[in-house]
Amino acid sequence: MLTVCHLYPDLLNLYGDRGNIIAFVRRCQWRGIPVRVREVGIGEPVDFGAVDFVFLGGGSDREQTLMAEDLLRRKDELQAAIEDGLVMLAICGGYQLLGRYYRTLQGETIPGLGLLDFYTRAGEKRLIGDIAVEAELGGRTVRLVGFENHAGQTFLGNIRPFGRVLAGYGNNGQDGTEGARYKNVFCSYLHGPILPKNTALTDYLIGRALARRGQDGILCPLDDTFEERACAVILRRLRLGR
């Protein structure tokens, strides 16, 4: 049984990010892998050591502030679980929160959880549009697609990016990086949502979660014809495919 923890689903669900939970669960169920979802709101208890996949989505500045205060109280437990190999996907605002700080246009510095070595600063221009990224998953290079919409510009420290931008802006529109990756934590600006469009990533996360529990992380293939067609449309739009 895999346990999925959806953090703050009532606050962090911009651009249909709940679809990431749906895709993860469905692809488990289609393979006969037992899975359950726990939705955790502000003040509600959660044992990160007992869950297998954590999803943290994006939200408005006000919602992120409310959520950040609550998550800060859980920081030590979450950090311990991450070091133990917890599989986690953080998107946009959730991604920014895991870093050292966010600096506003007015120069105010809002502390992050400091779990990962990067910082974010607000930019004058919003970075919006379709995006394609090249990433390495289990020794295989894959192309991922999505939609980004963020004013924050993220700069990585001693941490590797999730992928390399093929088209679009990525972390900051300057250095060609997208997202961040540490152990089994994956951070990205790709909405869309990212998992339904990118089955290779979804399956990789499922496999990592199973392997962490000592189970076979090799998954039987599914028919991904429609998902592959959706990716192809975006790649052609970005002039990266036929």
C-alpha atoms as a PDB file:
ATOM      1  CA  MET A   1       0.000   0.000   0.000  1.00  0.00           C
ATOM      2  CA  LEU A   2       1.376   3.380  -1.034  1.00  0.00           C
ATOM      3  CA  THR A   3       0.236   6.394   0.967  1.00  0.00           C
ATOM      4  CA  VAL A   4      -0.001   9.739  -0.822  1.00  0.00           C
ATOM      5  CA  CYS A   5       0.032  12.931   1.222  1.00  0.00           C
ATOM      6  CA  HIS A   6      -1.579  15.940  -0.465  1.00  0.00           C
ATOM      7  CA  LEU A   7      -0.530  18.968   1.573  1.00  0.00           C
ATOM      8  CA  TYR A   8      -2.979  21.869   1.821  1.00  0.00           C
ATOM      9  CA  PRO A   9      -5.209  20.907  -1.137  1.00  0.00           C
ATOM     10  CA  ASP A  10      -7.703  23.645  -0.248  1.00  0.00           C
ATOM     11  CA  LEU A  11      -5.036  26.366  -0.427  1.00  0.00           C
ATOM     12  CA  LEU A  12      -2.553  25.160  -3.041  1.00  0.00           C
ATOM     13  CA  ASN A  13      -4.324  24.136  -6.227  1.00  0.00           C
ATOM     14  CA  LEU A  14      -3.497  26.669  -8.930  1.00  0.00           C
ATOM     15  CA  TYR A  15      -3.864  25.673 -12.595  1.00  0.00           C
ATOM     16  CA  GLY A  16      -5.343  22.265 -11.858  1.00  0.00           C
ATOM     17  CA  ASP A  17      -2.379  20.968  -9.867  1.00  0.00           C
ATOM     18  CA  ARG A  18      -4.706  18.485  -8.144  1.00  0.00           C
ATOM     19  CA  GLY A  19      -4.412  16.554 -11.395  1.00  0.00           C
ATOM     20  CA  ASN A  20      -0.972  15.433 -10.256  1.00  0.00           C
ATOM     21  CA  ILE A  21      -2.565  13.460  -7.432  1.00  0.00           C
ATOM     22  CA  ILE A  22      -5.137  11.974  -9.801  1.00  0.00           C
ATOM     23  CA  ALA A  23      -2.477  10.858 -12.282  1.00  0.00           C
ATOM     24  CA  PHE A  24      -0.264   9.291  -9.609  1.00  0.00           C
ATOM     25  CA  VAL A  25      -3.183   7.381  -8.087  1.00  0.00           C
ATOM     26  CA  ARG A  26      -4.672   6.222 -11.394  1.00  0.00           C
ATOM     27  CA  ARG A  27      -1.394   4.875 -12.721  1.00  0.00           C
ATOM     28  CA  CYS A  28      -0.979   2.921  -9.509  1.00  0.00           C
ATOM     29  CA  GLN A  29      -4.519   1.563  -9.668  1.00  0.00           C
ATOM     30  CA  TRP A  30      -4.218   0.530 -13.322  1.00  0.00           C
ATOM     31  CA  ARG A  31      -1.304  -1.669 -12.265  1.00  0.00           C
ATOM     32  CA  GLY A  32      -3.051  -3.110  -9.224  1.00  0.00           C
ATOM     33  CA  ILE A  33      -0.866  -1.208  -6.766  1.00  0.00           C
ATOM     34  CA  PRO A  34      -2.896  -0.370  -3.630  1.00  0.00           C
ATOM     35  CA  VAL A  35      -2.829   3.365  -2.933  1.00  0.00           C
ATOM     36  CA  ARG A  36      -4.614   5.789  -0.631  1.00  0.00           C
ATOM     37  CA  VAL A  37      -4.627   9.583  -0.409  1.00  0.00           C
ATOM     38  CA  ARG A  38      -4.443  11.650   2.765  1.00  0.00           C
ATOM     39  CA  GLU A  39      -5.377  15.303   2.423  1.00  0.00           C
ATOM     40  CA  VAL A  40      -3.660  17.350   5.129  1.00  0.00           C
ATOM     41  CA  GLY A  41      -4.802  20.875   5.947  1.00  0.00           C
ATOM     42  CA  ILE A  42      -3.474  23.540   8.275  1.00  0.00           C
ATOM     43  CA  GLY A  43      -3.067  22.207  11.813  1.00  0.00           C
ATOM     44  CA  GLU A  44      -3.892  18.622  10.904  1.00  0.00           C
ATOM     45  CA  PRO A  45      -1.441  15.913  12.009  1.00  0.00           C
ATOM     46  CA  VAL A  46       0.768  14.047   9.554  1.00  0.00           C
ATOM     47  CA  ASP A  47       3.602  11.565  10.009  1.00  0.00           C
ATOM     48  CA  PHE A  48       5.943  12.125   7.066  1.00  0.00           C
ATOM     49  CA  GLY A  49       7.831   8.977   7.948  1.00  0.00           C
ATOM     50  CA  ALA A  50       4.690   6.924   7.286  1.00  0.00           C
ATOM     51  CA  VAL A  51       3.849   8.343   3.839  1.00  0.00           C
ATOM     52  CA  ASP A  52       5.375   7.449   0.476  1.00  0.00           C
ATOM     53  CA  PHE A  53       4.678  10.436  -1.778  1.00  0.00           C
ATOM     54  CA  VAL A  54       4.113  14.072  -0.794  1.00  0.00           C
ATOM     55  CA  PHE A  55       2.677  16.653  -3.160  1.00  0.00           C
ATOM     56  CA  LEU A  56       2.935  20.396  -2.525  1.00  0.00           C
ATOM     57  CA  GLY A  57       1.287  22.639  -5.114  1.00  0.00           C
ATOM     58  CA  GLY A  58       1.204  26.345  -5.876  1.00  0.00           C
ATOM     59  CA  GLY A  59      -1.001  29.123  -4.544  1.00  0.00           C
ATOM     60  CA  SER A  60      -1.350  32.864  -4.221  1.00  0.00           C
ATOM     61  CA  ASP A  61       1.002  34.858  -1.987  1.00  0.00           C
ATOM     62  CA  ARG A  62      -1.593  35.054   0.801  1.00  0.00           C
ATOM     63  CA  GLU A  63      -2.274  31.326   0.730  1.00  0.00           C
ATOM     64  CA  GLN A  64       1.424  30.497   0.634  1.00  0.00           C
ATOM     65  CA  THR A  65       2.009  32.651   3.720  1.00  0.00           C
ATOM     66  CA  LEU A  66      -0.699  30.806   5.666  1.00  0.00           C
ATOM     67  CA  MET A  67       0.661  27.463   4.601  1.00  0.00           C
ATOM     68  CA  ALA A  68       4.299  28.415   5.254  1.00  0.00           C
ATOM     69  CA  GLU A  69       3.626  29.249   8.892  1.00  0.00           C
ATOM     70  CA  ASP A  70       2.050  25.842   9.416  1.00  0.00           C
ATOM     71  CA  LEU A  71       4.680  23.905   7.492  1.00  0.00           C
ATOM     72  CA  LEU A  72       7.482  25.613   9.402  1.00  0.00           C
ATOM     73  CA  ARG A  73       6.288  23.801  12.518  1.00  0.00           C
ATOM     74  CA  ARG A  74       6.702  20.507  10.659  1.00  0.00           C
ATOM     75  CA  LYS A  75      10.128  21.382   9.214  1.00  0.00           C
ATOM     76  CA  ASP A  76      12.319  19.032  11.263  1.00  0.00           C
ATOM     77  CA  GLU A  77      10.109  16.022  10.635  1.00  0.00           C
ATOM     78  CA  LEU A  78       9.859  16.777   6.919  1.00  0.00           C
ATOM     79  CA  GLN A  79      13.616  17.263   6.638  1.00  0.00           C
ATOM     80  CA  ALA A  80      14.279  13.925   8.343  1.00  0.00           C
ATOM     81  CA  ALA A  81      11.890  12.163   5.956  1.00  0.00           C
ATOM     82  CA  ILE A  82      13.541  13.802   2.928  1.00  0.00           C
ATOM     83  CA  GLU A  83      16.950  12.617   4.090  1.00  0.00           C
ATOM     84  CA  ASP A  84      15.433   9.146   4.468  1.00  0.00           C
ATOM     85  CA  GLY A  85      14.376   9.163   0.805  1.00  0.00           C
ATOM     86  CA  LEU A  86      10.796  10.457   0.934  1.00  0.00           C
ATOM     87  CA  VAL A  87       9.462  11.014  -2.600  1.00  0.00           C
ATOM     88  CA  MET A  88       8.162  14.552  -3.004  1.00  0.00           C
ATOM     89  CA  LEU A  89       6.947  16.780  -5.831  1.00  0.00           C
ATOM     90  CA  ALA A  90       6.761  20.545  -5.223  1.00  0.00           C
ATOM     91  CA  ILE A  91       5.334  22.873  -7.863  1.00  0.00           C
ATOM     92  CA  CYS A  92       5.767  26.658  -8.247  1.00  0.00           C
ATOM     93  CA  GLY A  93       4.911  28.281  -4.894  1.00  0.00           C
ATOM     94  CA  GLY A  94       5.494  24.987  -3.095  1.00  0.00           C
ATOM     95  CA  TYR A  95       8.873  24.782  -4.811  1.00  0.00           C
ATOM     96  CA  GLN A  96       9.816  28.318  -3.723  1.00  0.00           C
ATOM     97  CA  LEU A  97       8.883  27.598  -0.122  1.00  0.00           C
ATOM     98  CA  LEU A  98      11.484  24.822   0.194  1.00  0.00           C
ATOM     99  CA  GLY A  99      14.317  27.271  -0.492  1.00  0.00           C
ATOM    100  CA  ARG A 100      16.134  29.795   1.677  1.00  0.00           C
ATOM    101  CA  TYR A 101      14.016  32.879   1.003  1.00  0.00           C
ATOM    102  CA  TYR A 102      11.796  34.850  -1.366  1.00  0.00           C
ATOM    103  CA  ARG A 103      12.622  38.523  -1.946  1.00  0.00           C
ATOM    104  CA  THR A 104       9.768  40.775  -3.082  1.00  0.00           C
ATOM    105  CA  LEU A 105      10.002  43.699  -5.506  1.00  0.00           C
ATOM    106  CA  GLN A 106       9.789  45.975  -2.469  1.00  0.00           C
ATOM    107  CA  GLY A 107      12.915  44.367  -1.044  1.00  0.00           C
ATOM    108  CA  GLU A 108      11.166  42.442   1.722  1.00  0.00           C
ATOM    109  CA  THR A 109      12.781  39.078   2.435  1.00  0.00           C
ATOM    110  CA  ILE A 110      10.340  36.290   3.291  1.00  0.00           C
ATOM    111  CA  PRO A 111      12.128  33.300   4.877  1.00  0.00           C
ATOM    112  CA  GLY A 112      11.608  29.866   3.351  1.00  0.00           C
ATOM    113  CA  LEU A 113      11.984  26.506   5.045  1.00  0.00           C
ATOM    114  CA  GLY A 114      15.650  26.347   4.040  1.00  0.00           C
ATOM    115  CA  LEU A 115      15.439  22.649   3.199  1.00  0.00           C
ATOM    116  CA  LEU A 116      17.082  23.119  -0.213  1.00  0.00           C
ATOM    117  CA  ASP A 117      19.869  25.461  -1.307  1.00  0.00           C
ATOM    118  CA  PHE A 118      18.260  28.051  -3.563  1.00  0.00           C
ATOM    119  CA  TYR A 119      16.553  31.427  -3.302  1.00  0.00           C
ATOM    120  CA  THR A 120      13.843  33.235  -5.253  1.00  0.00           C
ATOM    121  CA  ARG A 121      13.388  36.907  -6.025  1.00  0.00           C
ATOM    122  CA  ALA A 122      10.436  38.621  -7.651  1.00  0.00           C
ATOM    123  CA  GLY A 123      10.946  39.800 -11.215  1.00  0.00           C
ATOM    124  CA  GLU A 124       9.403  42.685 -13.114  1.00  0.00           C
ATOM    125  CA  LYS A 125       8.118  40.342 -15.808  1.00  0.00           C
ATOM    126  CA  ARG A 126       5.947  37.273 -15.444  1.00  0.00           C
ATOM    127  CA  LEU A 127       7.371  34.190 -17.117  1.00  0.00           C
ATOM    128  CA  ILE A 128       4.412  32.635 -18.909  1.00  0.00           C
ATOM    129  CA  GLY A 129       3.904  30.054 -21.619  1.00  0.00           C
ATOM    130  CA  ASP A 130       4.455  26.495 -22.768  1.00  0.00           C
ATOM    131  CA  ILE A 131       7.761  24.988 -21.706  1.00  0.00           C
ATOM    132  CA  ALA A 132       9.815  21.937 -22.627  1.00  0.00           C
ATOM    133  CA  VAL A 133      12.561  20.528 -20.422  1.00  0.00           C
ATOM    134  CA  GLU A 134      15.142  17.787 -20.833  1.00  0.00           C
ATOM    135  CA  ALA A 135      15.646  15.765 -17.649  1.00  0.00           C
ATOM    136  CA  GLU A 136      17.415  12.587 -16.568  1.00  0.00           C
ATOM    137  CA  LEU A 137      15.277   9.939 -14.917  1.00  0.00           C
ATOM    138  CA  GLY A 138      16.914   6.712 -13.866  1.00  0.00           C
ATOM    139  CA  GLY A 139      19.717   7.000 -16.397  1.00  0.00           C
ATOM    140  CA  ARG A 140      17.329   7.872 -19.232  1.00  0.00           C
ATOM    141  CA  THR A 141      17.024  11.301 -20.824  1.00  0.00           C
ATOM    142  CA  VAL A 142      13.406  12.371 -21.337  1.00  0.00           C
ATOM    143  CA  ARG A 143      11.577  15.429 -22.579  1.00  0.00           C
ATOM    144  CA  LEU A 144       8.964  16.901 -20.258  1.00  0.00           C
ATOM    145  CA  VAL A 145       6.369  19.511 -21.198  1.00  0.00           C
ATOM    146  CA  GLY A 146       4.142  21.845 -19.238  1.00  0.00           C
ATOM    147  CA  PHE A 147       2.935  25.384 -18.739  1.00  0.00           C
ATOM    148  CA  GLU A 148       4.679  27.953 -16.560  1.00  0.00           C
ATOM    149  CA  ASN A 149       3.271  31.137 -15.028  1.00  0.00           C
ATOM    150  CA  HIS A 150       5.438  32.739 -12.353  1.00  0.00           C
ATOM    151  CA  ALA A 151       6.944  36.108 -11.460  1.00  0.00           C
ATOM    152  CA  GLY A 152       9.486  34.601  -9.067  1.00  0.00           C
ATOM    153  CA  GLN A 153      12.967  33.971 -10.428  1.00  0.00           C
ATOM    154  CA  THR A 154      14.780  31.110  -8.713  1.00  0.00           C
ATOM    155  CA  PHE A 155      18.562  30.783  -8.517  1.00  0.00           C
ATOM    156  CA  LEU A 156      20.167  27.518  -7.442  1.00  0.00           C
ATOM    157  CA  GLY A 157      23.031  27.179  -4.989  1.00  0.00           C
ATOM    158  CA  ASN A 158      24.674  23.855  -4.187  1.00  0.00           C
ATOM    159  CA  ILE A 159      21.896  21.775  -5.697  1.00  0.00           C
ATOM    160  CA  ARG A 160      21.338  20.387  -9.147  1.00  0.00           C
ATOM    161  CA  PRO A 161      18.496  21.488 -11.427  1.00  0.00           C
ATOM    162  CA  PHE A 162      15.652  19.161 -12.262  1.00  0.00           C
ATOM    163  CA  GLY A 163      16.271  19.697 -15.956  1.00  0.00           C
ATOM    164  CA  ARG A 164      17.564  21.830 -18.810  1.00  0.00           C
ATOM    165  CA  VAL A 165      15.235  24.232 -20.622  1.00  0.00           C
ATOM    166  CA  LEU A 166      14.681  23.438 -24.298  1.00  0.00           C
ATOM    167  CA  ALA A 167      12.027  26.115 -24.810  1.00  0.00           C
ATOM    168  CA  GLY A 168      10.483  28.527 -22.315  1.00  0.00           C
ATOM    169  CA  TYR A 169      11.925  30.280 -19.268  1.00  0.00           C
ATOM    170  CA  GLY A 170      12.466  27.778 -16.452  1.00  0.00           C
ATOM    171  CA  ASN A 171      13.845  28.930 -13.124  1.00  0.00           C
ATOM    172  CA  ASN A 172      14.710  32.468 -14.106  1.00  0.00           C
ATOM    173  CA  GLY A 173      14.801  32.886 -17.892  1.00  0.00           C
ATOM    174  CA  GLN A 174      18.560  33.392 -17.771  1.00  0.00           C
ATOM    175  CA  ASP A 175      20.637  30.326 -16.945  1.00  0.00           C
ATOM    176  CA  GLY A 176      18.696  27.590 -18.766  1.00  0.00           C
ATOM    177  CA  THR A 177      17.869  25.599 -15.633  1.00  0.00           C
ATOM    178  CA  GLU A 178      14.439  24.355 -14.588  1.00  0.00           C
ATOM    179  CA  GLY A 179      13.448  23.229 -11.140  1.00  0.00           C
ATOM    180  CA  ALA A 180      15.645  21.574  -8.549  1.00  0.00           C
ATOM    181  CA  ARG A 181      16.336  18.026  -7.443  1.00  0.00           C
ATOM    182  CA  TYR A 182      17.650  16.616  -4.200  1.00  0.00           C
ATOM    183  CA  LYS A 183      17.529  12.876  -3.444  1.00  0.00           C
ATOM    184  CA  ASN A 184      13.864  11.982  -4.135  1.00  0.00           C
ATOM    185  CA  VAL A 185      12.606  15.583  -4.016  1.00  0.00           C
ATOM    186  CA  PHE A 186      11.611  17.067  -7.364  1.00  0.00           C
ATOM    187  CA  CYS A 187      10.805  20.775  -7.714  1.00  0.00           C
ATOM    188  CA  SER A 188       9.450  22.423 -10.851  1.00  0.00           C
ATOM    189  CA  TYR A 189       7.581  25.402 -12.273  1.00  0.00           C
ATOM    190  CA  LEU A 190       5.675  23.151 -14.690  1.00  0.00           C
ATOM    191  CA  HIS A 191       1.939  23.367 -14.216  1.00  0.00           C
ATOM    192  CA  GLY A 192      -0.436  21.848 -16.695  1.00  0.00           C
ATOM    193  CA  PRO A 193      -0.447  19.771 -14.452  1.00  0.00           C
ATOM    194  CA  ILE A 194       2.914  18.088 -14.987  1.00  0.00           C
ATOM    195  CA  LEU A 195       2.202  14.420 -14.154  1.00  0.00           C
ATOM    196  CA  PRO A 196      -0.747  13.643 -16.479  1.00  0.00           C
ATOM    197  CA  LYS A 197       1.227  14.994 -19.445  1.00  0.00           C
ATOM    198  CA  ASN A 198       4.510  13.321 -18.538  1.00  0.00           C
ATOM    199  CA  THR A 199       3.974   9.658 -17.789  1.00  0.00           C
ATOM    200  CA  ALA A 200       7.708   8.899 -17.593  1.00  0.00           C
ATOM    201  CA  LEU A 201       7.997  11.224 -14.607  1.00  0.00           C
ATOM    202  CA  THR A 202       4.849   9.875 -12.950  1.00  0.00           C
ATOM    203  CA  ASP A 203       6.059   6.300 -13.267  1.00  0.00           C
ATOM    204  CA  TYR A 204       9.519   7.238 -12.044  1.00  0.00           C
ATOM    205  CA  LEU A 205       8.028   8.739  -8.873  1.00  0.00           C
ATOM    206  CA  ILE A 206       5.876   5.648  -8.329  1.00  0.00           C
ATOM    207  CA  GLY A 207       8.891   3.406  -8.817  1.00  0.00           C
ATOM    208  CA  ARG A 208      10.986   5.410  -6.350  1.00  0.00           C
ATOM    209  CA  ALA A 209       8.192   5.274  -3.769  1.00  0.00           C
ATOM    210  CA  LEU A 210       7.907   1.487  -4.143  1.00  0.00           C
ATOM    211  CA  ALA A 211      11.670   0.979  -3.977  1.00  0.00           C
ATOM    212  CA  ARG A 212      11.878   3.026  -0.772  1.00  0.00           C
ATOM    213  CA  ARG A 213       9.452   0.543   0.782  1.00  0.00           C
ATOM    214  CA  GLY A 214      11.629  -2.365  -0.326  1.00  0.00           C
ATOM    215  CA  GLN A 215       9.274  -3.368  -3.148  1.00  0.00           C
ATOM    216  CA  ASP A 216       9.943  -3.937  -6.835  1.00  0.00           C
ATOM    217  CA  GLY A 217      10.119  -0.507  -8.469  1.00  0.00           C
ATOM    218  CA  ILE A 218       9.953  -1.918 -12.015  1.00  0.00           C
ATOM    219  CA  LEU A 219       6.506  -1.145 -13.407  1.00  0.00           C
ATOM    220  CA  CYS A 220       4.585  -2.921 -16.123  1.00  0.00           C
ATOM    221  CA  PRO A 221       4.000  -0.655 -19.155  1.00  0.00           C
ATOM    222  CA  LEU A 222       0.692   1.078 -19.838  1.00  0.00           C
ATOM    223  CA  ASP A 223      -0.810   2.353 -23.080  1.00  0.00           C
ATOM    224  CA  ASP A 224       0.306   5.989 -23.113  1.00  0.00           C
ATOM    225  CA  THR A 225      -0.839   6.809 -26.642  1.00  0.00           C
ATOM    226  CA  PHE A 226      -3.010   9.780 -25.688  1.00  0.00           C
ATOM    227  CA  GLU A 227      -0.452  11.227 -23.287  1.00  0.00           C
ATOM    228  CA  GLU A 228       2.261  10.967 -25.928  1.00  0.00           C
ATOM    229  CA  ARG A 229       0.040  12.728 -28.454  1.00  0.00           C
ATOM    230  CA  ALA A 230      -0.580  15.561 -25.998  1.00  0.00           C
ATOM    231  CA  CYS A 231       3.170  15.979 -25.470  1.00  0.00           C
ATOM    232  CA  ALA A 232       3.772  15.920 -29.213  1.00  0.00           C
ATOM    233  CA  VAL A 233       1.319  18.783 -29.740  1.00  0.00           C
ATOM    234  CA  ILE A 234       3.210  20.995 -27.301  1.00  0.00           C
ATOM    235  CA  LEU A 235       6.603  20.026 -28.722  1.00  0.00           C
ATOM    236  CA  ARG A 236       5.426  20.905 -32.228  1.00  0.00           C
ATOM    237  CA  ARG A 237       4.061  24.204 -30.931  1.00  0.00           C
ATOM    238  CA  LEU A 238       7.501  24.916 -29.509  1.00  0.00           C
ATOM    239  CA  ARG A 239       9.135  23.754 -32.770  1.00  0.00           C
ATOM    240  CA  LEU A 240      10.839  20.850 -31.058  1.00  0.00           C
ATOM    241  CA  GLY A 241       9.055  18.010 -32.805  1.00  0.00           C
ATOM    242  CA  ARG A 242       7.417  16.930 -36.038  1.00  0.00           C
END
